[in-house]
Amino acid sequence: MRILIGTDTYPPDVNGAGYFTHRLATGLAERGHDVHVVCASEEGAPGIAYDGEVTLHRLRSASVLVHPTMRTAVPLGVAGHVARLMDRLAPHVVHAQSHFTMSRATVRQGRISGTPVVLTNHFMPDNLFAHAHIPERLQGLAGRLAWQDMVRVANEADYVTTPTRRAAELLAQKGYERPVEAVSCGIDLERFHPRPAERTAARTGFGLPDRETMAFVGRLDEEKRIDELIRALPLVHEERDLQLVLAGTGQRERELRELAAGLGVADRVHFLGFVPDEELPRVYVAADLFAIGSIAELQSIATLEAMSTGLPVVAADALALPHLVDHGRNGYLYRPGDVAGLADRLLAVLRSGREAMGAASREIALTHDHRRSLARFEEIYTQVRPTLYGPRGLVPGRAASPAGRPARPRRHPVPA
């Protein structure tokens, strides 16, 4: 199949949705498909680039003022550019990764051209509040409006997926009335695998003391609630020699450093900064357990990577994280904001059962094999095509949006 993926974030952007889209595109290409990605330019100027066998159509971009490490496509001209791409490529299916500028244009042009549209939702308003500097008193209203916009775009798609059942339930609660399938983002089980014998060497490689280690991987931003992990350290330190390793960058790094210094644990909180993708597996190898306090995860790829490496997990009992942590089996959940409860859970892992819990984490991670996710998306693409296409191309009168609006036929037949 020829597949056009529309996304508003793609590496070198550092976030879960971007990484998932990269794995999806490269994985599909490795399976023999002709994959094209339309996304924002990483430098500003438009152009065509190649990521292995994937063709990247990078559109003119500008820096996101509220998030200096990211860029967004300049809205003016996006619709026309995507329309020309659709006309030239004649994809069998388009797959949008959000409801923002680029993805929205991909959905709309797919609808207009009569191309089947799949949409995967990675969106949570909480991930935007801090970056957009929305006052807390306005976040409820902003969240409702954002969800309404998301649902409007999702209604244009032929098929909608999300990473977890909880994320699918959330979308239904926000007003989306059609079926939603949970398809895991998936994990490379061969790249992230248990290597306990290499733990000391991994710590040495990062310049870390060889002591019990709790790791977090991700953006150092408000919704991740990393301050709770730091606040728990003094409580745990009364009994265990535990340190915290943070792999990532973000807006709250300075505040977190100051918090650690104020609590007297600066020597036990290590900021690794941005860790290149090829070095990322060693961060998990260096750790004894993984902890995450985020309340805005629709799946959490980092948690899956830690589990695949064989680490116990202590996580906030919020949104989709309980789908990954089987309380008492591969780790523990704690009530968000309950630092004392978090400390108790950390101690429970450190006192006993690390090996058994780590093995259980790996066992659960095996059900999230990224090859299984790729195969399911192939099935979905094949499933949506017959609703619009016959053996000789577009079936007249059958290409309509979910709302019943007829779509404009192509000017040339769709390749078989």
Protein backbone atom coordinates (compact mmCIF):
# COMPACT_ATOMS: atom_id res chain seq x y z
CA MET A 1 0.00 0.00 0.00
CA ARG A 2 0.95 3.61 -0.44
CA ILE A 3 0.37 5.27 2.92
CA LEU A 4 0.41 9.00 3.72
CA ILE A 5 0.91 9.80 7.39
CA GLY A 6 0.02 13.30 8.57
CA THR A 7 1.61 14.38 11.84
CA ASP A 8 2.28 17.55 13.78
CA THR A 9 5.29 16.09 15.59
CA TYR A 10 8.10 13.93 14.28
CA PRO A 11 11.74 13.43 15.31
CA PRO A 12 13.88 15.30 16.15
CA ASP A 13 10.87 16.37 18.31
CA VAL A 14 11.13 14.61 21.66
CA ASN A 15 7.75 13.23 22.74
CA GLY A 16 5.82 9.99 22.73
CA ALA A 17 3.57 10.80 19.76
CA GLY A 18 6.57 11.74 17.62
CA TYR A 19 8.44 8.57 18.50
CA PHE A 20 5.37 6.43 17.83
CA THR A 21 4.85 8.01 14.42
CA HIS A 22 8.49 7.40 13.54
CA ARG A 23 8.25 3.73 14.52
CA LEU A 24 4.97 3.38 12.64
CA ALA A 25 6.37 4.90 9.45
CA THR A 26 9.69 3.05 9.46
CA GLY A 27 8.03 -0.21 10.54
CA LEU A 28 5.49 -0.07 7.72
CA ALA A 29 8.25 0.73 5.22
CA GLU A 30 10.25 -2.27 6.43
CA ARG A 31 7.17 -4.38 5.76
CA GLY A 32 7.21 -3.35 2.10
CA HIS A 33 4.80 -0.38 2.02
CA ASP A 34 5.45 2.92 0.26
CA VAL A 35 5.30 5.32 3.21
CA HIS A 36 5.18 9.11 3.02
CA VAL A 37 5.07 11.43 6.05
CA VAL A 38 3.94 15.05 5.84
CA CYS A 39 5.22 17.06 8.79
CA ALA A 40 6.79 20.35 9.79
CA SER A 41 10.32 21.20 8.67
CA GLU A 42 12.89 20.71 11.43
CA GLU A 43 14.74 23.85 10.35
CA GLY A 44 12.06 26.11 8.86
CA ALA A 45 12.55 25.77 5.10
CA PRO A 46 10.38 23.23 3.25
CA GLY A 47 11.86 20.25 1.44
CA ILE A 48 11.90 16.50 0.92
CA ALA A 49 14.07 14.26 3.09
CA TYR A 50 14.42 10.53 3.64
CA ASP A 51 14.31 8.52 6.84
CA GLY A 52 15.50 5.14 5.64
CA GLU A 53 12.82 4.00 3.21
CA VAL A 54 10.35 6.65 4.41
CA THR A 55 9.87 9.82 2.38
CA LEU A 56 9.44 12.94 4.52
CA HIS A 57 7.57 15.90 3.04
CA ARG A 58 8.65 18.69 5.35
CA LEU A 59 6.54 21.87 5.16
CA ARG A 60 7.62 25.37 6.08
CA SER A 61 7.62 25.75 9.85
CA ALA A 62 8.01 28.26 12.64
CA SER A 63 9.13 27.90 16.24
CA VAL A 64 6.40 27.24 18.79
CA LEU A 65 6.81 30.23 21.09
CA VAL A 66 5.42 28.43 24.12
CA HIS A 67 7.56 25.34 23.44
CA PRO A 68 10.99 26.40 22.12
CA THR A 69 12.13 22.85 21.35
CA MET A 70 9.30 22.25 18.87
CA ARG A 71 8.28 23.68 15.51
CA THR A 72 4.87 23.82 13.82
CA ALA A 73 3.85 24.05 10.20
CA VAL A 74 2.98 27.57 9.08
CA PRO A 75 -0.81 27.29 8.56
CA LEU A 76 -0.90 29.43 5.41
CA GLY A 77 -0.62 27.10 2.44
CA VAL A 78 -0.75 23.79 4.34
CA ALA A 79 -4.11 22.72 2.89
CA GLY A 80 -2.99 23.40 -0.67
CA HIS A 81 0.32 21.61 -0.18
CA VAL A 82 -1.37 18.53 1.29
CA ALA A 83 -3.98 18.57 -1.51
CA ARG A 84 -1.21 18.53 -4.13
CA LEU A 85 0.52 15.68 -2.29
CA MET A 86 -2.71 13.71 -2.22
CA ASP A 87 -3.25 14.29 -5.91
CA ARG A 88 0.31 13.33 -6.85
CA LEU A 89 0.73 10.32 -4.55
CA ALA A 90 -2.82 8.94 -4.72
CA PRO A 91 -2.35 7.06 -1.42
CA HIS A 92 -4.48 4.06 -0.60
CA VAL A 93 -5.00 5.37 2.93
CA VAL A 94 -4.07 8.38 5.04
CA HIS A 95 -3.28 8.10 8.75
CA ALA A 96 -3.46 11.28 10.84
CA GLN A 97 -1.80 11.41 14.26
CA SER A 98 -3.71 14.30 15.87
CA HIS A 99 -6.24 17.04 15.14
CA PHE A 100 -3.78 19.92 14.87
CA THR A 101 -2.70 21.86 11.78
CA MET A 102 -0.95 19.20 9.69
CA SER A 103 -3.08 16.27 10.73
CA ARG A 104 -6.29 18.27 10.32
CA ALA A 105 -5.31 19.16 6.75
CA THR A 106 -4.51 15.51 6.02
CA VAL A 107 -7.89 14.38 7.34
CA ARG A 108 -9.74 17.07 5.36
CA GLN A 109 -7.95 16.42 2.09
CA GLY A 110 -8.40 12.69 2.50
CA ARG A 111 -12.09 13.29 2.99
CA ILE A 112 -12.28 15.53 -0.09
CA SER A 113 -10.39 13.10 -2.31
CA GLY A 114 -12.31 10.04 -1.19
CA THR A 115 -9.26 8.41 0.39
CA PRO A 116 -9.93 6.31 3.51
CA VAL A 117 -8.86 8.16 6.66
CA VAL A 118 -7.54 6.59 9.88
CA LEU A 119 -6.91 8.83 12.89
CA THR A 120 -4.98 7.97 16.04
CA ASN A 121 -5.56 10.22 19.05
CA HIS A 122 -2.57 11.01 21.29
CA PHE A 123 -4.14 14.24 22.58
CA MET A 124 -4.57 15.31 26.19
CA PRO A 125 -5.29 18.99 27.03
CA ASP A 126 -3.20 18.68 30.21
CA ASN A 127 -0.09 18.35 28.05
CA LEU A 128 -0.74 21.82 26.61
CA PHE A 129 -1.79 23.85 29.64
CA ALA A 130 1.70 24.51 30.98
CA HIS A 131 3.21 25.20 27.56
CA ALA A 132 0.41 27.58 26.59
CA HIS A 133 0.52 29.27 30.01
CA ILE A 134 -3.24 28.88 30.48
CA PRO A 135 -4.28 30.07 33.98
CA GLU A 136 -5.65 27.31 36.19
CA ARG A 137 -9.04 29.02 36.45
CA LEU A 138 -9.44 28.79 32.63
CA GLN A 139 -8.13 25.27 32.15
CA GLY A 140 -11.55 23.63 32.52
CA LEU A 141 -13.06 25.76 29.75
CA ALA A 142 -9.97 25.44 27.56
CA GLY A 143 -10.03 21.67 27.99
CA ARG A 144 -13.70 21.39 27.01
CA LEU A 145 -13.18 23.51 23.89
CA ALA A 146 -10.10 21.51 22.94
CA TRP A 147 -11.95 18.21 23.27
CA GLN A 148 -14.86 19.55 21.19
CA ASP A 149 -12.41 20.46 18.45
CA MET A 150 -10.78 17.04 18.66
CA VAL A 151 -14.16 15.29 18.34
CA ARG A 152 -15.10 17.40 15.30
CA VAL A 153 -11.95 16.30 13.48
CA ALA A 154 -12.34 12.66 14.60
CA ASN A 155 -15.85 12.63 13.13
CA GLU A 156 -14.26 13.18 9.71
CA ALA A 157 -12.27 9.95 9.92
CA ASP A 158 -13.36 6.51 8.78
CA TYR A 159 -11.62 4.76 11.66
CA VAL A 160 -10.30 6.03 14.99
CA THR A 161 -7.76 4.40 17.29
CA THR A 162 -6.12 5.32 20.59
CA PRO A 163 -3.24 3.63 22.46
CA THR A 164 -5.31 2.16 25.34
CA ARG A 165 -8.83 1.21 26.37
CA ARG A 166 -8.81 4.01 28.94
CA ALA A 167 -7.96 6.52 26.21
CA ALA A 168 -10.82 5.15 24.10
CA GLU A 169 -13.22 5.50 27.04
CA LEU A 170 -12.03 9.06 27.57
CA LEU A 171 -12.72 9.99 23.96
CA ALA A 172 -16.25 8.59 24.29
CA GLN A 173 -16.78 10.58 27.49
CA LYS A 174 -15.79 13.73 25.62
CA GLY A 175 -18.52 13.26 23.02
CA TYR A 176 -17.18 10.95 20.32
CA GLU A 177 -20.04 8.54 19.64
CA ARG A 178 -18.57 6.05 17.15
CA PRO A 179 -16.42 2.99 17.94
CA VAL A 180 -12.79 3.53 18.95
CA GLU A 181 -10.21 0.75 18.90
CA ALA A 182 -7.33 0.57 21.35
CA VAL A 183 -4.12 -0.26 19.49
CA SER A 184 -0.96 -0.12 21.58
CA CYS A 185 1.84 2.16 20.44
CA GLY A 186 3.99 -0.91 20.84
CA ILE A 187 7.55 -1.47 22.02
CA ASP A 188 10.68 -2.92 20.42
CA LEU A 189 11.15 -5.89 22.70
CA GLU A 190 14.57 -6.72 21.24
CA ARG A 191 15.97 -3.23 21.74
CA PHE A 192 14.62 -2.91 25.28
CA HIS A 193 15.34 -6.13 27.14
CA PRO A 194 16.61 -7.12 30.61
CA ARG A 195 20.41 -6.83 31.10
CA PRO A 196 20.95 -6.88 34.89
CA ALA A 197 24.59 -7.93 34.54
CA GLU A 198 25.32 -4.63 32.78
CA ARG A 199 23.76 -2.40 35.45
CA THR A 200 26.98 -1.28 37.15
CA ALA A 201 28.69 -0.62 33.80
CA ALA A 202 25.68 1.41 32.61
CA ARG A 203 25.84 3.57 35.73
CA THR A 204 29.54 4.13 35.23
CA GLY A 205 28.90 5.13 31.62
CA PHE A 206 26.54 7.89 32.74
CA GLY A 207 28.82 8.97 35.58
CA LEU A 208 26.40 7.76 38.27
CA PRO A 209 27.27 6.40 41.71
CA ASP A 210 26.72 2.66 41.99
CA ARG A 211 23.72 2.72 44.34
CA GLU A 212 20.03 1.83 44.16
CA THR A 213 18.54 3.84 41.32
CA MET A 214 15.08 5.08 40.42
CA ALA A 215 14.74 6.34 36.84
CA PHE A 216 12.36 8.63 35.00
CA VAL A 217 12.53 9.21 31.23
CA GLY A 218 10.57 12.02 29.61
CA ARG A 219 9.99 15.75 29.46
CA LEU A 220 10.72 17.68 32.64
CA ASP A 221 7.41 19.53 32.45
CA GLU A 222 4.62 20.33 34.87
CA GLU A 223 2.15 17.55 34.03
CA LYS A 224 4.85 14.91 34.63
CA ARG A 225 4.91 15.80 38.36
CA ILE A 226 8.57 14.96 38.77
CA ASP A 227 8.65 17.08 41.93
CA GLU A 228 6.80 14.26 43.70
CA LEU A 229 9.66 11.86 42.94
CA ILE A 230 12.16 14.33 44.37
CA ARG A 231 10.03 15.02 47.47
CA ALA A 232 9.85 11.28 48.16
CA LEU A 233 13.63 10.88 48.29
CA PRO A 234 14.17 12.24 51.84
CA LEU A 235 11.45 9.90 53.14
CA VAL A 236 13.00 6.89 51.43
CA HIS A 237 16.55 7.87 52.40
CA GLU A 238 15.78 7.19 56.06
CA GLU A 239 15.93 3.51 55.15
CA ARG A 240 17.45 3.07 51.67
CA ASP A 241 20.35 4.56 49.71
CA LEU A 242 18.23 5.57 46.69
CA GLN A 243 19.06 8.05 43.92
CA LEU A 244 16.89 9.51 41.14
CA VAL A 245 18.04 9.69 37.51
CA LEU A 246 16.15 12.01 35.14
CA ALA A 247 16.67 11.55 31.40
CA GLY A 248 15.15 14.43 29.45
CA THR A 249 14.82 18.19 29.27
CA GLY A 250 11.95 20.56 29.90
CA GLN A 251 10.61 23.80 31.27
CA ARG A 252 10.84 22.82 34.94
CA GLU A 253 14.46 21.68 35.07
CA ARG A 254 15.66 24.76 36.96
CA GLU A 255 12.80 24.51 39.49
CA LEU A 256 13.51 20.82 40.01
CA ARG A 257 17.20 21.47 40.64
CA GLU A 258 16.30 24.14 43.19
CA LEU A 259 13.80 21.81 44.86
CA ALA A 260 16.39 19.05 45.19
CA ALA A 261 18.88 21.51 46.69
CA GLY A 262 16.28 22.85 49.11
CA LEU A 263 15.43 19.36 50.32
CA GLY A 264 19.08 18.44 50.73
CA VAL A 265 19.05 15.69 48.09
CA ALA A 266 20.82 17.47 45.22
CA ASP A 267 23.58 14.85 45.36
CA ARG A 268 20.93 12.15 44.80
CA VAL A 269 19.12 13.72 41.83
CA HIS A 270 21.04 13.35 38.57
CA PHE A 271 19.98 15.27 35.45
CA LEU A 272 21.24 13.48 32.35
CA GLY A 273 19.68 15.99 29.97
CA PHE A 274 18.79 14.86 26.46
CA VAL A 275 19.86 11.25 25.92
CA PRO A 276 20.31 10.24 22.24
CA ASP A 277 17.94 7.53 21.10
CA GLU A 278 20.72 4.99 20.61
CA GLU A 279 21.80 5.47 24.25
CA LEU A 280 18.30 5.39 25.76
CA PRO A 281 18.13 1.64 26.52
CA ARG A 282 21.15 1.99 28.84
CA VAL A 283 19.25 4.46 31.04
CA TYR A 284 16.79 1.72 31.95
CA VAL A 285 19.59 -0.84 32.33
CA ALA A 286 21.22 1.47 34.91
CA ALA A 287 18.06 1.53 37.06
CA ASP A 288 16.53 -0.76 39.67
CA LEU A 289 13.02 0.59 39.18
CA PHE A 290 11.07 3.12 37.14
CA ALA A 291 8.79 5.78 38.63
CA ILE A 292 6.30 8.12 36.99
CA GLY A 293 3.91 10.59 38.61
CA SER A 294 2.25 11.90 35.44
CA ILE A 295 -1.51 12.38 35.35
CA ALA A 296 -1.76 12.91 31.57
CA GLU A 297 -0.62 9.65 29.96
CA LEU A 298 -2.72 7.96 27.28
CA GLN A 299 -0.22 5.08 27.37
CA SER A 300 3.36 6.12 28.32
CA ILE A 301 5.93 4.66 25.96
CA ALA A 302 8.69 5.31 28.52
CA THR A 303 6.90 3.12 31.07
CA LEU A 304 6.60 0.37 28.47
CA GLU A 305 10.30 0.66 27.65
CA ALA A 306 11.15 0.33 31.34
CA MET A 307 8.88 -2.70 31.70
CA SER A 308 10.37 -4.32 28.61
CA THR A 309 13.80 -3.86 30.23
CA GLY A 310 12.53 -5.79 33.25
CA LEU A 311 12.01 -2.98 35.75
CA PRO A 312 9.34 -2.79 38.47
CA VAL A 313 7.19 0.35 38.13
CA VAL A 314 5.75 2.74 40.71
CA ALA A 315 3.20 4.96 38.97
CA ALA A 316 0.45 7.46 39.67
CA ASP A 317 -3.01 5.90 39.68
CA ALA A 318 -4.18 8.14 36.85
CA LEU A 319 -5.57 7.78 33.32
CA ALA A 320 -3.86 4.93 31.41
CA LEU A 321 -1.00 4.06 33.78
CA PRO A 322 -3.12 1.53 35.73
CA HIS A 323 -3.39 -0.45 32.46
CA LEU A 324 0.37 -1.03 32.63
CA VAL A 325 0.86 -1.52 36.36
CA ASP A 326 -0.77 -4.60 37.86
CA HIS A 327 -0.73 -3.43 41.48
CA GLY A 328 1.35 -5.80 43.59
CA ARG A 329 2.49 -7.87 40.60
CA ASN A 330 4.87 -5.76 38.52
CA GLY A 331 4.86 -2.70 40.76
CA TYR A 332 2.56 -0.39 42.66
CA LEU A 333 0.18 2.51 42.07
CA TYR A 334 -0.08 5.54 44.34
CA ARG A 335 -2.58 8.36 44.64
CA PRO A 336 -1.33 11.42 42.70
CA GLY A 337 -0.01 14.02 45.11
CA ASP A 338 0.45 11.55 47.98
CA VAL A 339 4.23 11.80 48.41
CA ALA A 340 4.23 9.70 51.58
CA GLY A 341 2.28 7.01 49.75
CA LEU A 342 4.77 7.18 46.87
CA ALA A 343 7.67 6.74 49.31
CA ASP A 344 5.96 3.71 50.85
CA ARG A 345 5.53 2.14 47.40
CA LEU A 346 9.15 2.76 46.51
CA LEU A 347 10.28 1.12 49.74
CA ALA A 348 7.99 -1.84 49.12
CA VAL A 349 9.74 -2.47 45.78
CA LEU A 350 13.24 -1.99 47.22
CA ARG A 351 12.68 -4.23 50.24
CA SER A 352 11.72 -7.34 48.32
CA GLY A 353 10.43 -8.75 45.09
CA ARG A 354 12.41 -6.65 42.62
CA GLU A 355 13.34 -9.64 40.49
CA ALA A 356 9.83 -11.13 40.44
CA MET A 357 8.22 -7.77 39.73
CA GLY A 358 10.73 -7.06 36.97
CA ALA A 359 9.96 -10.41 35.37
CA ALA A 360 6.24 -9.63 35.55
CA SER A 361 6.87 -6.25 33.88
CA ARG A 362 8.65 -7.98 31.01
CA GLU A 363 5.81 -10.49 30.70
CA ILE A 364 3.23 -7.70 30.44
CA ALA A 365 5.42 -5.81 27.95
CA LEU A 366 5.47 -8.87 25.68
CA THR A 367 1.80 -8.19 24.89
CA HIS A 368 2.82 -4.80 23.44
CA ASP A 369 5.16 -6.05 20.71
CA HIS A 370 5.37 -3.26 18.10
CA ARG A 371 5.21 -5.85 15.31
CA ARG A 372 1.77 -6.83 16.53
CA SER A 373 0.71 -3.16 16.42
CA LEU A 374 2.06 -2.77 12.89
CA ALA A 375 0.17 -5.86 11.77
CA ARG A 376 -3.05 -4.52 13.28
CA PHE A 377 -2.69 -1.17 11.51
CA GLU A 378 -2.16 -3.04 8.23
CA GLU A 379 -5.42 -4.88 8.88
CA ILE A 380 -7.20 -1.60 9.64
CA TYR A 381 -5.92 -0.02 6.42
CA THR A 382 -7.16 -3.02 4.46
CA GLN A 383 -10.45 -2.97 6.36
CA VAL A 384 -11.29 0.65 5.55
CA ARG A 385 -10.35 0.43 1.87
CA PRO A 386 -13.25 -1.80 0.67
CA THR A 387 -15.76 0.69 2.06
CA LEU A 388 -14.68 3.17 -0.60
CA TYR A 389 -12.91 1.14 -3.30
CA GLY A 390 -13.77 -1.60 -5.72
CA PRO A 391 -11.32 -3.69 -7.77
CA ARG A 392 -10.97 -0.91 -10.37
CA GLY A 393 -10.62 2.08 -8.10
CA LEU A 394 -13.04 4.59 -6.64
CA VAL A 395 -16.63 3.39 -6.58
CA PRO A 396 -18.84 6.30 -7.71
CA GLY A 397 -21.21 7.54 -5.04
CA ARG A 398 -19.66 5.52 -2.23
CA ALA A 399 -17.02 7.95 -1.08
CA ALA A 400 -18.83 9.97 1.54
CA SER A 401 -17.89 11.42 4.89
CA PRO A 402 -19.45 10.00 8.06
CA ALA A 403 -21.82 12.97 8.02
CA GLY A 404 -23.02 11.98 4.54
CA ARG A 405 -21.25 14.71 2.55
CA PRO A 406 -20.14 13.36 -0.84
CA ALA A 407 -16.42 13.53 -1.49
CA ARG A 408 -14.92 14.87 -4.70
CA PRO A 409 -13.66 11.95 -6.89
CA ARG A 410 -10.03 11.79 -7.90
CA ARG A 411 -8.91 13.11 -11.25
CA HIS A 412 -7.10 9.82 -11.90
CA PRO A 413 -7.66 6.24 -10.74
CA VAL A 414 -6.19 4.90 -7.52
CA PRO A 415 -3.32 2.46 -8.14
CA ALA A 416 -4.08 -1.14 -7.29
